[in-house]
Amino acid sequence: MKFIIKIVFLLLVVGNNFAQDMHFSQFDVNVVTLNPAYTGVMKGDYRLANNYRNQWGTVSAPYSTFSVTGDVNILDKKVNKGLSDIGIGLGFFSDKIGTSNLAQNQFNFSLSAIQQVNFDTKLSLGLQGAYNQQSISMNNVTWDTQFQGHKFQEDLPSQELFGNSKSNYLDINAGMLLQKESWDNTFTLGGAIYHVNSPKRGIFTNEKLAPKLVAHFSYDIKLGRSNSQKRFIPKALFTRQRKHQEILVGGLLRQYITESSRYTQFANESYFEIGGYYRVLDAIVLVAGIDLKRFHFALSYDINVSKLRTATNTIGGFELSLAYKGIFSDNRIKLKK
């Protein structure tokens, strides 16, 4: 061959420019990135959550995605009238792709209004503003015009013209969340819309970023008798942006080591869980996690089953997550030893 062009790189660039958004298999760990209405909705007073994802390393330079958020509820349920709680959150997201180091960094601020509808049901409305930075570098990319015969010469011009290498834009996202929590079960249903303002991204084109719709569901179900420490948690996620969509369905089997006491400091919640999801026409996701002393750690792995498996050899990607839910003061009764 006279030339080597990074075909995969070009596909990744084009795909990312028109369709790719933040993407995690463990979508329900760093929940503020899933739905702004999740801000401040938690068991506790504040939460820190992190996801790291690395995928498709066997095809090209891998996708590397990192996200961290922190959120807190500030009314502390002390208000008897009006809103039950207000959540605020800050987040950072970074995505790097391919030989060209196509990168997107995002800083976001989230705000939610949480209303206790009745004894076991709450409704949350969330709004999120985000500042995005995109950049690309062509220094490591090779083109056919830089080859003489079979020899690559770096000093030869690529004869390729590109526009801006950097782009900044503001983004607005919004969401709604309904959560019903009884003694044995917890039901959660939510929806969000991202890119409400259809911002323009200007690295390659000035095309507007299409709104993205998100819907998600989970149901924490106790298995067996009333004193059972086993739970099954079915989950589903649906996203759509223009003609692109993702459907993720599956569930986790959870075994409690200890369940938290609502009224005393005798015990705090701890458990381990295993399960999996199917991302329709794309991948099988295997998940394992543990929750201990308010920390939650999980590991997942994507097994690629799409047509891309010929290139990936079914190797999709791995993902790590770490979260912590804290309290400012524990008002439960402290038992003497």
Protein backbone atom coordinates (compact mmCIF):
# COMPACT_ATOMS: atom_id res chain seq x y z
CA MET A 1 0.00 0.00 0.00
CA LYS A 2 1.09 3.54 -0.70
CA PHE A 3 -0.66 5.04 2.27
CA ILE A 4 -1.98 4.38 5.75
CA ILE A 5 -4.92 6.48 6.86
CA LYS A 6 -6.40 6.09 10.27
CA ILE A 7 -9.83 5.03 9.05
CA VAL A 8 -11.07 4.13 12.50
CA PHE A 9 -9.94 7.51 13.77
CA LEU A 10 -11.99 9.31 11.13
CA LEU A 11 -15.07 7.25 11.91
CA LEU A 12 -14.72 8.00 15.59
CA VAL A 13 -14.34 11.72 14.93
CA VAL A 14 -17.38 11.92 12.68
CA GLY A 15 -19.47 9.77 15.02
CA ASN A 16 -18.52 11.79 18.03
CA ASN A 17 -19.12 15.13 16.38
CA PHE A 18 -22.70 14.32 15.49
CA ALA A 19 -23.92 11.78 18.05
CA GLN A 20 -21.67 10.87 20.97
CA ASP A 21 -22.61 12.01 24.46
CA MET A 22 -21.44 10.94 27.88
CA HIS A 23 -21.86 7.18 28.02
CA PHE A 24 -21.58 4.80 31.00
CA SER A 25 -22.73 1.21 31.45
CA GLN A 26 -23.02 1.85 35.19
CA PHE A 27 -25.49 4.63 34.51
CA ASP A 28 -27.06 4.55 37.99
CA VAL A 29 -23.92 5.26 40.07
CA ASN A 30 -23.08 8.82 39.09
CA VAL A 31 -26.78 9.59 38.85
CA VAL A 32 -26.51 13.37 38.46
CA THR A 33 -24.98 12.73 35.02
CA LEU A 34 -28.03 10.58 34.21
CA ASN A 35 -30.72 13.04 35.27
CA PRO A 36 -30.32 16.53 36.84
CA ALA A 37 -33.41 15.79 38.95
CA TYR A 38 -31.35 13.24 40.92
CA THR A 39 -29.41 16.12 42.48
CA GLY A 40 -29.87 15.89 46.26
CA VAL A 41 -32.05 12.77 46.08
CA MET A 42 -30.21 10.25 48.25
CA LYS A 43 -30.04 8.43 51.56
CA GLY A 44 -27.84 10.93 53.36
CA ASP A 45 -26.90 14.58 53.17
CA TYR A 46 -24.21 14.64 50.48
CA ARG A 47 -22.76 12.37 47.81
CA LEU A 48 -19.55 12.09 45.81
CA ALA A 49 -19.55 9.84 42.73
CA ASN A 50 -17.03 8.93 40.05
CA ASN A 51 -17.04 6.82 36.87
CA TYR A 52 -14.10 5.89 34.67
CA ARG A 53 -14.58 4.05 31.36
CA ASN A 54 -12.04 2.74 28.85
CA GLN A 55 -13.24 1.01 25.68
CA TRP A 56 -12.30 -0.20 22.19
CA GLY A 57 -8.54 -0.31 22.85
CA THR A 58 -8.16 -3.26 20.43
CA VAL A 59 -9.52 -1.21 17.50
CA SER A 60 -7.68 2.10 17.85
CA ALA A 61 -6.53 4.49 20.53
CA PRO A 62 -9.27 3.87 23.12
CA TYR A 63 -12.16 6.00 24.25
CA SER A 64 -11.34 7.22 27.75
CA THR A 65 -14.19 8.77 29.74
CA PHE A 66 -14.08 10.19 33.25
CA SER A 67 -16.79 11.84 35.32
CA VAL A 68 -16.99 13.06 38.91
CA THR A 69 -19.83 14.87 40.69
CA GLY A 70 -20.69 16.07 44.15
CA ASP A 71 -24.17 16.99 45.34
CA VAL A 72 -25.89 17.91 48.58
CA ASN A 73 -29.39 18.58 49.89
CA ILE A 74 -29.40 21.89 51.75
CA LEU A 75 -32.75 22.12 53.57
CA ASP A 76 -32.02 18.97 55.57
CA LYS A 77 -35.76 18.24 55.74
CA LYS A 78 -36.29 20.85 58.46
CA VAL A 79 -38.88 22.87 56.56
CA ASN A 80 -42.47 21.91 57.34
CA LYS A 81 -44.06 24.02 54.62
CA GLY A 82 -43.10 24.52 51.00
CA LEU A 83 -40.31 22.46 49.44
CA SER A 84 -39.12 19.36 51.28
CA ASP A 85 -35.56 19.80 50.02
CA ILE A 86 -33.29 21.58 47.55
CA GLY A 87 -30.36 19.86 45.91
CA ILE A 88 -27.27 21.51 44.44
CA GLY A 89 -24.41 19.81 42.64
CA LEU A 90 -21.16 20.41 40.79
CA GLY A 91 -19.68 18.09 38.20
CA PHE A 92 -16.79 17.56 35.80
CA PHE A 93 -16.69 15.33 32.74
CA SER A 94 -13.81 14.49 30.40
CA ASP A 95 -13.80 12.40 27.22
CA LYS A 96 -10.74 11.69 25.05
CA ILE A 97 -10.87 9.77 21.80
CA GLY A 98 -8.47 8.39 19.22
CA THR A 99 -5.09 9.29 17.80
CA SER A 100 -6.08 12.93 17.45
CA ASN A 101 -6.91 13.29 21.15
CA LEU A 102 -10.34 14.61 20.32
CA ALA A 103 -11.32 15.86 23.76
CA GLN A 104 -14.37 17.24 25.47
CA ASN A 105 -14.31 18.72 28.95
CA GLN A 106 -17.45 19.82 30.74
CA PHE A 107 -18.08 21.72 33.96
CA ASN A 108 -21.68 21.67 35.15
CA PHE A 109 -23.88 23.02 37.92
CA SER A 110 -27.14 21.31 38.90
CA LEU A 111 -30.10 22.52 40.93
CA SER A 112 -33.19 20.55 41.97
CA ALA A 113 -36.45 21.20 43.82
CA ILE A 114 -37.59 18.14 45.78
CA GLN A 115 -41.13 17.81 47.07
CA GLN A 116 -42.38 15.11 49.43
CA VAL A 117 -45.74 14.29 47.83
CA ASN A 118 -46.86 11.95 50.62
CA PHE A 119 -45.36 9.65 53.24
CA ASP A 120 -43.46 7.44 50.82
CA THR A 121 -43.34 9.39 47.53
CA LYS A 122 -41.18 12.32 46.40
CA LEU A 123 -41.03 14.30 43.18
CA SER A 124 -37.94 16.15 42.01
CA LEU A 125 -37.45 18.67 39.19
CA GLY A 126 -33.90 19.41 38.11
CA LEU A 127 -32.06 21.93 35.94
CA GLN A 128 -28.43 21.80 34.85
CA GLY A 129 -26.18 24.31 33.15
CA ALA A 130 -22.91 23.18 31.57
CA TYR A 131 -19.86 24.85 30.04
CA ASN A 132 -18.19 22.66 27.41
CA GLN A 133 -14.75 22.81 25.84
CA GLN A 134 -13.81 20.74 22.78
CA SER A 135 -10.40 20.42 21.17
CA ILE A 136 -8.57 18.28 18.61
CA SER A 137 -4.93 17.83 17.59
CA MET A 138 -3.81 16.59 14.17
CA ASN A 139 -0.12 16.26 15.12
CA ASN A 140 -0.20 12.46 15.41
CA VAL A 141 -2.39 11.76 12.38
CA THR A 142 -0.89 10.49 9.11
CA TRP A 143 -2.25 10.95 5.57
CA ASP A 144 -1.61 9.31 2.19
CA THR A 145 0.04 12.47 0.83
CA GLN A 146 2.81 12.07 3.44
CA PHE A 147 3.99 8.78 1.92
CA GLN A 148 6.53 8.39 -0.89
CA GLY A 149 6.24 4.81 -2.01
CA HIS A 150 6.15 2.80 1.22
CA LYS A 151 8.08 5.40 3.19
CA PHE A 152 6.36 7.86 5.51
CA GLN A 153 7.81 11.38 5.59
CA GLU A 154 6.49 13.49 8.42
CA ASP A 155 7.63 16.82 6.92
CA LEU A 156 5.41 16.44 3.82
CA PRO A 157 2.17 18.48 3.98
CA SER A 158 -1.07 16.61 4.54
CA GLN A 159 -2.96 18.93 2.16
CA GLU A 160 -5.92 18.57 4.51
CA LEU A 161 -7.67 21.73 5.67
CA PHE A 162 -9.44 21.89 9.01
CA GLY A 163 -11.35 24.70 10.67
CA ASN A 164 -11.22 25.45 14.34
CA SER A 165 -9.20 23.17 16.61
CA LYS A 166 -11.13 24.39 19.67
CA SER A 167 -14.74 25.11 20.48
CA ASN A 168 -16.65 26.34 23.54
CA TYR A 169 -20.39 26.28 24.13
CA LEU A 170 -23.01 26.46 26.87
CA ASP A 171 -25.53 23.69 27.40
CA ILE A 172 -28.82 23.42 29.30
CA ASN A 173 -30.32 20.15 30.58
CA ALA A 174 -33.48 19.42 32.58
CA GLY A 175 -35.14 16.42 34.21
CA MET A 176 -37.89 15.01 36.40
CA LEU A 177 -37.76 12.15 38.91
CA LEU A 178 -40.46 10.24 40.80
CA GLN A 179 -39.42 7.98 43.68
CA LYS A 180 -41.70 5.84 45.83
CA GLU A 181 -40.02 4.16 48.81
CA SER A 182 -41.85 1.70 51.05
CA TRP A 183 -40.46 -0.51 53.77
CA ASP A 184 -39.64 -3.36 51.37
CA ASN A 185 -39.45 -1.80 47.89
CA THR A 186 -38.21 1.31 46.12
CA PHE A 187 -39.58 2.36 42.73
CA THR A 188 -37.84 5.04 40.66
CA LEU A 189 -38.92 6.51 37.34
CA GLY A 190 -37.27 9.45 35.64
CA GLY A 191 -36.92 11.37 32.42
CA ALA A 192 -34.56 14.07 31.17
CA ILE A 193 -33.84 16.17 28.12
CA TYR A 194 -30.28 17.23 27.31
CA HIS A 195 -29.16 20.08 25.01
CA VAL A 196 -32.44 21.94 25.46
CA ASN A 197 -30.92 25.03 23.85
CA SER A 198 -29.45 23.08 20.87
CA PRO A 199 -25.98 24.68 21.16
CA LYS A 200 -23.60 24.90 18.20
CA ARG A 201 -20.34 22.94 18.25
CA GLY A 202 -17.80 24.45 15.89
CA ILE A 203 -14.75 22.20 15.46
CA PHE A 204 -15.83 20.77 12.10
CA THR A 205 -19.23 22.32 11.49
CA ASN A 206 -21.60 24.82 13.04
CA GLU A 207 -24.39 22.27 13.17
CA LYS A 208 -26.59 22.48 16.24
CA LEU A 209 -26.35 19.73 18.83
CA ALA A 210 -29.68 17.88 18.74
CA PRO A 211 -31.65 17.44 21.99
CA LYS A 212 -31.26 14.04 23.64
CA LEU A 213 -34.13 12.31 25.44
CA VAL A 214 -33.47 10.04 28.43
CA ALA A 215 -35.86 7.72 30.28
CA HIS A 216 -34.84 5.39 33.13
CA PHE A 217 -36.47 2.99 35.55
CA SER A 218 -35.49 0.84 38.54
CA TYR A 219 -37.40 -1.22 41.09
CA ASP A 220 -35.78 -2.51 44.28
CA ILE A 221 -37.73 -5.66 45.21
CA LYS A 222 -37.26 -7.71 48.37
CA LEU A 223 -37.14 -11.45 47.69
CA GLY A 224 -38.61 -14.05 50.00
CA ARG A 225 -39.96 -13.43 53.49
CA SER A 226 -40.08 -10.11 55.34
CA ASN A 227 -36.73 -10.76 57.04
CA SER A 228 -35.01 -11.70 53.77
CA GLN A 229 -31.75 -9.93 52.97
CA LYS A 230 -31.93 -10.62 49.25
CA ARG A 231 -33.09 -8.06 46.69
CA PHE A 232 -33.62 -8.11 42.95
CA ILE A 233 -33.33 -4.77 41.17
CA PRO A 234 -34.49 -4.67 37.52
CA LYS A 235 -33.34 -1.56 35.63
CA ALA A 236 -33.79 -0.03 32.21
CA LEU A 237 -32.38 2.94 30.32
CA PHE A 238 -33.51 4.46 27.03
CA THR A 239 -31.83 7.37 25.25
CA ARG A 240 -32.52 8.86 21.84
CA GLN A 241 -30.76 11.62 19.92
CA ARG A 242 -31.96 12.12 16.35
CA LYS A 243 -31.79 8.66 14.75
CA HIS A 244 -29.37 7.32 17.35
CA GLN A 245 -30.71 5.43 20.33
CA GLU A 246 -29.56 3.21 23.19
CA ILE A 247 -31.65 0.65 25.06
CA LEU A 248 -30.14 -0.98 28.14
CA VAL A 249 -32.10 -3.56 30.16
CA GLY A 250 -31.13 -5.93 32.96
CA GLY A 251 -30.85 -6.12 36.71
CA LEU A 252 -28.81 -6.81 39.82
CA LEU A 253 -29.12 -9.44 42.52
CA ARG A 254 -28.20 -7.90 45.87
CA GLN A 255 -27.30 -9.71 49.10
CA TYR A 256 -27.24 -7.58 52.23
CA ILE A 257 -24.53 -8.16 54.81
CA THR A 258 -26.24 -5.75 57.21
CA GLU A 259 -29.26 -3.53 56.71
CA SER A 260 -29.25 -0.04 58.17
CA SER A 261 -31.24 0.78 61.28
CA ARG A 262 -33.62 3.71 60.82
CA TYR A 263 -33.75 4.67 64.48
CA THR A 264 -30.42 3.67 66.06
CA GLN A 265 -26.74 3.72 65.12
CA PHE A 266 -26.56 -0.03 65.67
CA ALA A 267 -25.86 -0.81 62.00
CA ASN A 268 -25.16 0.83 58.66
CA GLU A 269 -26.11 -0.59 55.28
CA SER A 270 -23.64 -2.93 53.55
CA TYR A 271 -24.12 -5.40 50.70
CA PHE A 272 -22.63 -6.97 47.60
CA GLU A 273 -24.34 -7.37 44.25
CA ILE A 274 -23.86 -9.03 40.87
CA GLY A 275 -25.81 -8.83 37.64
CA GLY A 276 -25.79 -7.69 34.09
CA TYR A 277 -27.42 -5.72 31.30
CA TYR A 278 -28.00 -6.11 27.61
CA ARG A 279 -27.36 -3.07 25.46
CA VAL A 280 -29.57 -3.88 22.50
CA LEU A 281 -27.60 -4.85 19.37
CA ASP A 282 -24.33 -3.77 20.99
CA ALA A 283 -23.05 -5.49 24.13
CA ILE A 284 -23.59 -7.70 27.17
CA VAL A 285 -22.53 -5.92 30.36
CA LEU A 286 -21.38 -7.87 33.44
CA VAL A 287 -21.44 -5.99 36.76
CA ALA A 288 -20.24 -6.67 40.32
CA GLY A 289 -20.21 -4.23 43.24
CA ILE A 290 -19.92 -3.87 46.99
CA ASP A 291 -21.26 -1.26 49.41
CA LEU A 292 -19.44 -0.89 52.72
CA LYS A 293 -19.24 1.91 55.30
CA ARG A 294 -21.06 4.35 52.97
CA PHE A 295 -18.63 3.61 50.12
CA HIS A 296 -19.84 1.90 46.96
CA PHE A 297 -17.38 0.32 44.53
CA ALA A 298 -18.32 -1.48 41.31
CA LEU A 299 -16.63 -2.96 38.27
CA SER A 300 -18.26 -3.75 34.94
CA TYR A 301 -17.14 -5.18 31.63
CA ASP A 302 -18.75 -4.87 28.19
CA ILE A 303 -18.65 -7.90 25.90
CA ASN A 304 -19.17 -6.61 22.39
CA VAL A 305 -21.78 -8.57 20.36
CA SER A 306 -22.41 -6.11 17.51
CA LYS A 307 -20.91 -6.29 14.01
CA LEU A 308 -17.88 -4.48 15.44
CA ARG A 309 -16.92 -7.70 17.27
CA THR A 310 -14.94 -8.79 14.19
CA ALA A 311 -12.52 -5.95 14.90
CA THR A 312 -12.77 -5.94 18.71
CA ASN A 313 -12.70 -9.74 19.16
CA THR A 314 -15.75 -9.16 21.45
CA ILE A 315 -13.63 -6.95 23.72
CA GLY A 316 -15.74 -3.88 24.50
CA GLY A 317 -14.49 -2.02 27.53
CA PHE A 318 -14.23 -1.90 31.29
CA GLU A 319 -15.62 0.60 33.74
CA LEU A 320 -14.92 1.45 37.38
CA SER A 321 -17.12 3.45 39.71
CA LEU A 322 -16.73 4.75 43.24
CA ALA A 323 -19.31 6.63 45.28
CA TYR A 324 -19.67 7.85 48.84
CA LYS A 325 -22.82 8.97 50.65
CA GLY A 326 -22.19 11.00 53.80
CA ILE A 327 -24.15 12.66 56.58
CA PHE A 328 -23.41 15.88 58.44
CA SER A 329 -24.90 14.62 61.71
CA ASP A 330 -26.38 11.28 62.70
CA ASN A 331 -29.59 11.94 64.64
CA ARG A 332 -30.26 8.29 65.30
CA ILE A 333 -30.00 7.02 68.87
CA LYS A 334 -26.46 6.03 69.80
CA LEU A 335 -26.37 2.74 71.67
CA LYS A 336 -23.90 2.23 74.50
CA LYS A 337 -21.51 -0.69 74.32
